[in-house]
C-alpha atoms as a PDB file:
ATOM      1  CA  UNK A   1      76.572 107.452 187.763  1.00  0.00           C
ATOM      2  CA  UNK A   2      80.022 108.762 187.191  1.00  0.00           C
ATOM      3  CA  UNK A   3      81.119 105.897 185.157  1.00  0.00           C
ATOM      4  CA  UNK A   4      78.076 106.212 182.961  1.00  0.00           C
ATOM      5  CA  UNK A   5      79.056 109.854 182.386  1.00  0.00           C
ATOM      6  CA  UNK A   6      82.590 109.033 181.670  1.00  0.00           C
ATOM      7  CA  UNK A   7      81.661 106.346 179.307  1.00  0.00           C
ATOM      8  CA  UNK A   8      79.437 108.788 177.490  1.00  0.00           C
ATOM      9  CA  UNK A   9      82.379 111.380 177.252  1.00  0.00           C
ATOM     10  CA  UNK A  10      84.674 108.652 175.891  1.00  0.00           C
ATOM     11  CA  UNK A  11      82.221 107.699 173.381  1.00  0.00           C
ATOM     12  CA  UNK A  12      81.774 111.279 172.180  1.00  0.00           C
ATOM     13  CA  UNK A  13      85.511 111.689 171.909  1.00  0.00           C
ATOM     14  CA  UNK A  14      85.924 108.432 169.970  1.00  0.00           C
ATOM     15  CA  UNK A  15      82.977 109.533 167.758  1.00  0.00           C
ATOM     16  CA  UNK A  16      84.328 112.990 166.886  1.00  0.00           C
ATOM     17  CA  UNK A  17      88.222 112.331 167.001  1.00  0.00           C
ATOM     18  CA  UNK A  18      88.719 110.765 163.364  1.00  0.00           C
ATOM     19  CA  UNK A  19      87.670 113.892 161.483  1.00  0.00           C
ATOM     20  CA  UNK A  20      90.466 113.470 159.064  1.00  0.00           C
ATOM     21  CA  UNK A  21      93.203 115.915 157.829  1.00  0.00           C
ATOM     22  CA  UNK A  22      91.035 117.429 155.078  1.00  0.00           C
ATOM     23  CA  UNK A  23      88.417 118.329 157.468  1.00  0.00           C
ATOM     24  CA  UNK A  24      90.837 119.664 159.929  1.00  0.00           C
ATOM     25  CA  UNK A  25      92.418 121.737 157.120  1.00  0.00           C
ATOM     26  CA  UNK A  26      89.122 123.201 156.150  1.00  0.00           C
ATOM     27  CA  UNK A  27      88.268 123.925 159.647  1.00  0.00           C
ATOM     28  CA  UNK A  28      91.560 125.767 160.292  1.00  0.00           C
ATOM     29  CA  UNK A  29      91.358 127.723 157.020  1.00  0.00           C
ATOM     30  CA  UNK A  30      87.746 128.847 157.862  1.00  0.00           C
ATOM     31  CA  UNK A  31      88.891 130.103 161.124  1.00  0.00           C
ATOM     32  CA  UNK A  32      92.221 131.644 159.987  1.00  0.00           C
ATOM     33  CA  UNK A  33      91.584 132.948 156.530  1.00  0.00           C
ATOM     34  CA  UNK A  34      89.208 135.435 154.937  1.00  0.00           C
ATOM     35  CA  UNK A  35      85.925 134.160 153.648  1.00  0.00           C
ATOM     36  CA  UNK A  36      86.731 134.146 150.010  1.00  0.00           C
ATOM     37  CA  UNK A  37      89.800 132.046 150.492  1.00  0.00           C
ATOM     38  CA  UNK A  38      87.941 129.752 152.941  1.00  0.00           C
ATOM     39  CA  UNK A  39      85.018 129.224 150.258  1.00  0.00           C
ATOM     40  CA  UNK A  40      87.654 128.472 147.708  1.00  0.00           C
ATOM     41  CA  UNK A  41      89.283 125.813 149.860  1.00  0.00           C
ATOM     42  CA  UNK A  42      85.902 124.358 150.786  1.00  0.00           C
ATOM     43  CA  UNK A  43      85.043 124.119 146.994  1.00  0.00           C
ATOM     44  CA  UNK A  44      88.304 122.461 146.184  1.00  0.00           C
ATOM     45  CA  UNK A  45      88.152 119.800 148.993  1.00  0.00           C
ATOM     46  CA  UNK A  46      84.559 119.168 148.225  1.00  0.00           C
ATOM     47  CA  UNK A  47      85.306 118.533 144.669  1.00  0.00           C
ATOM     48  CA  UNK A  48      88.201 116.084 145.393  1.00  0.00           C
ATOM     49  CA  UNK A  49      86.088 114.366 148.061  1.00  0.00           C
ATOM     50  CA  UNK A  50      83.314 113.880 145.682  1.00  0.00           C
ATOM     51  CA  UNK A  51      84.880 112.870 142.506  1.00  0.00           C
ATOM     52  CA  UNK A  52      88.086 111.382 143.740  1.00  0.00           C
ATOM     53  CA  UNK A  53      86.895 108.977 146.274  1.00  0.00           C
ATOM     54  CA  UNK A  54      87.359 105.324 146.065  1.00  0.00           C
END
């Protein structure tokens, strides 16, 4: 039973870990900056992800 729990934990970490630098920047900005600046950063990052993705 413990091995099943441990495998599930590792799978969850592997699934969540590769969030990317832009998403990490957005999360950090949302937590550390005022709402107006966080929304501005979210819009800019969303724009670049939408229109400049390969």
